[in-house]
Amino acid sequence: MGAARVIGMDINEERMEWERSLGFGEVMHPDELAQHQVHLGYECVGAAAALQI
């Protein structure tokens, strides 16, 4: 059993394009996340504000 969707997020448009070039299926700005239902989020930067969506 695996994830149905994996969504990469970033606030920097240049990094988002780079992530897309690596083959991420979906990459979006955190502001766009409100349109999606997320069952599990994983934050790997260490910024508490990143979890306050």
N, C-alpha and C. Protein backbone atom coordinates (compact mmCIF):
# COMPACT_ATOMS: atom_id res chain seq x y z
N MET A 1 0.85 -1.16 0.00
CA MET A 1 0.00 0.00 0.00
C MET A 1 0.90 1.23 0.00
N GLY A 2 0.64 2.15 -0.90
CA GLY A 2 1.46 3.35 -0.99
C GLY A 2 0.60 4.59 -1.10
N ALA A 3 1.24 5.69 -1.31
CA ALA A 3 0.54 6.96 -1.44
C ALA A 3 -0.15 7.06 -2.80
N ALA A 4 -1.35 7.58 -2.79
CA ALA A 4 -2.07 7.81 -4.04
C ALA A 4 -1.48 9.01 -4.76
N ARG A 5 -1.08 10.02 -3.98
CA ARG A 5 -0.50 11.23 -4.55
C ARG A 5 0.61 11.72 -3.63
N VAL A 6 1.65 12.25 -4.23
CA VAL A 6 2.72 12.90 -3.48
C VAL A 6 2.82 14.31 -4.04
N ILE A 7 2.71 15.30 -3.17
CA ILE A 7 2.74 16.69 -3.60
C ILE A 7 3.95 17.36 -2.97
N GLY A 8 4.84 17.86 -3.80
CA GLY A 8 5.98 18.64 -3.32
C GLY A 8 5.56 20.09 -3.18
N MET A 9 6.05 20.76 -2.16
CA MET A 9 5.68 22.17 -1.95
C MET A 9 6.92 23.02 -1.78
N ASP A 10 6.81 24.25 -2.27
CA ASP A 10 7.89 25.21 -2.10
C ASP A 10 7.30 26.60 -2.26
N ILE A 11 8.01 27.60 -1.73
CA ILE A 11 7.55 28.98 -1.88
C ILE A 11 8.37 29.72 -2.94
N ASN A 12 9.39 29.07 -3.48
CA ASN A 12 10.27 29.68 -4.46
C ASN A 12 9.97 29.09 -5.83
N GLU A 13 9.54 29.94 -6.77
CA GLU A 13 9.14 29.46 -8.10
C GLU A 13 10.30 28.78 -8.85
N GLU A 14 11.52 29.28 -8.70
CA GLU A 14 12.66 28.66 -9.38
C GLU A 14 12.90 27.25 -8.86
N ARG A 15 12.81 27.06 -7.55
CA ARG A 15 12.97 25.71 -6.99
C ARG A 15 11.83 24.80 -7.42
N MET A 16 10.62 25.37 -7.52
CA MET A 16 9.49 24.55 -7.96
C MET A 16 9.72 24.03 -9.37
N GLU A 17 10.25 24.86 -10.25
CA GLU A 17 10.57 24.42 -11.61
C GLU A 17 11.65 23.34 -11.59
N TRP A 18 12.65 23.51 -10.74
CA TRP A 18 13.70 22.50 -10.61
C TRP A 18 13.12 21.17 -10.13
N GLU A 19 12.23 21.24 -9.13
CA GLU A 19 11.58 20.03 -8.61
C GLU A 19 10.78 19.34 -9.70
N ARG A 20 10.08 20.12 -10.50
CA ARG A 20 9.32 19.53 -11.63
C ARG A 20 10.26 18.85 -12.61
N SER A 21 11.43 19.45 -12.85
CA SER A 21 12.39 18.85 -13.79
C SER A 21 12.93 17.52 -13.28
N LEU A 22 12.88 17.31 -11.95
CA LEU A 22 13.32 16.05 -11.37
C LEU A 22 12.27 14.95 -11.47
N GLY A 23 11.06 15.33 -11.91
CA GLY A 23 10.04 14.33 -12.11
C GLY A 23 8.99 14.24 -11.03
N PHE A 24 8.95 15.23 -10.10
CA PHE A 24 7.87 15.23 -9.12
C PHE A 24 6.55 15.29 -9.87
N GLY A 25 5.59 14.49 -9.47
CA GLY A 25 4.30 14.49 -10.13
C GLY A 25 3.57 15.81 -9.98
N GLU A 26 3.56 16.35 -8.77
CA GLU A 26 2.89 17.62 -8.50
C GLU A 26 3.77 18.47 -7.60
N VAL A 27 3.88 19.72 -7.94
CA VAL A 27 4.61 20.69 -7.12
C VAL A 27 3.74 21.93 -7.05
N MET A 28 3.54 22.44 -5.85
CA MET A 28 2.69 23.62 -5.72
C MET A 28 3.16 24.51 -4.59
N HIS A 29 2.67 25.72 -4.60
CA HIS A 29 2.91 26.69 -3.54
C HIS A 29 1.99 26.33 -2.37
N PRO A 30 2.42 26.52 -1.13
CA PRO A 30 1.56 26.18 0.01
C PRO A 30 0.18 26.85 -0.01
N ASP A 31 0.08 28.03 -0.62
CA ASP A 31 -1.22 28.69 -0.71
C ASP A 31 -2.24 27.88 -1.50
N GLU A 32 -1.76 27.02 -2.40
CA GLU A 32 -2.64 26.19 -3.21
C GLU A 32 -3.13 24.94 -2.46
N LEU A 33 -2.50 24.63 -1.35
CA LEU A 33 -2.80 23.39 -0.62
C LEU A 33 -4.21 23.36 -0.05
N ALA A 34 -4.78 24.52 0.24
CA ALA A 34 -6.13 24.57 0.83
C ALA A 34 -7.17 23.92 -0.06
N GLN A 35 -6.88 23.77 -1.33
CA GLN A 35 -7.81 23.16 -2.27
C GLN A 35 -7.77 21.63 -2.23
N HIS A 36 -6.86 21.07 -1.44
CA HIS A 36 -6.65 19.61 -1.43
C HIS A 36 -6.83 19.05 -0.03
N GLN A 37 -7.28 17.82 0.05
CA GLN A 37 -7.37 17.11 1.33
C GLN A 37 -6.08 16.33 1.52
N VAL A 38 -5.41 16.58 2.61
CA VAL A 38 -4.12 15.94 2.88
C VAL A 38 -4.26 15.06 4.12
N HIS A 39 -3.89 13.80 4.00
CA HIS A 39 -3.99 12.87 5.11
C HIS A 39 -2.70 12.81 5.93
N LEU A 40 -1.58 13.13 5.30
CA LEU A 40 -0.30 13.09 6.00
C LEU A 40 0.61 14.15 5.40
N GLY A 41 1.22 14.94 6.26
CA GLY A 41 2.18 15.94 5.81
C GLY A 41 3.52 15.68 6.47
N TYR A 42 4.58 15.92 5.75
CA TYR A 42 5.92 15.70 6.28
C TYR A 42 6.73 16.96 6.03
N GLU A 43 7.16 17.60 7.09
CA GLU A 43 7.94 18.83 7.01
C GLU A 43 9.38 18.47 7.32
N CYS A 44 10.31 18.85 6.44
CA CYS A 44 11.70 18.45 6.66
C CYS A 44 12.66 19.63 6.72
N VAL A 45 12.15 20.84 6.92
CA VAL A 45 13.00 22.02 7.00
C VAL A 45 13.32 22.36 8.44
N GLY A 46 12.39 22.09 9.33
CA GLY A 46 12.59 22.42 10.73
C GLY A 46 11.99 23.75 11.13
N ALA A 47 11.14 24.29 10.28
CA ALA A 47 10.50 25.58 10.57
C ALA A 47 9.09 25.34 11.10
N ALA A 48 8.84 25.75 12.33
CA ALA A 48 7.52 25.53 12.93
C ALA A 48 6.41 26.18 12.11
N ALA A 49 6.69 27.32 11.50
CA ALA A 49 5.68 28.01 10.70
C ALA A 49 5.22 27.17 9.51
N ALA A 50 6.06 26.27 9.04
CA ALA A 50 5.69 25.43 7.91
C ALA A 50 4.54 24.48 8.24
N LEU A 51 4.37 24.18 9.51
CA LEU A 51 3.31 23.27 9.92
C LEU A 51 2.01 23.99 10.29
N GLN A 52 2.02 25.28 10.28
CA GLN A 52 0.85 26.06 10.68
C GLN A 52 0.05 26.49 9.47
N ILE A 53 -0.42 25.53 8.72
CA ILE A 53 -1.22 25.80 7.52
C ILE A 53 -2.68 25.70 7.88
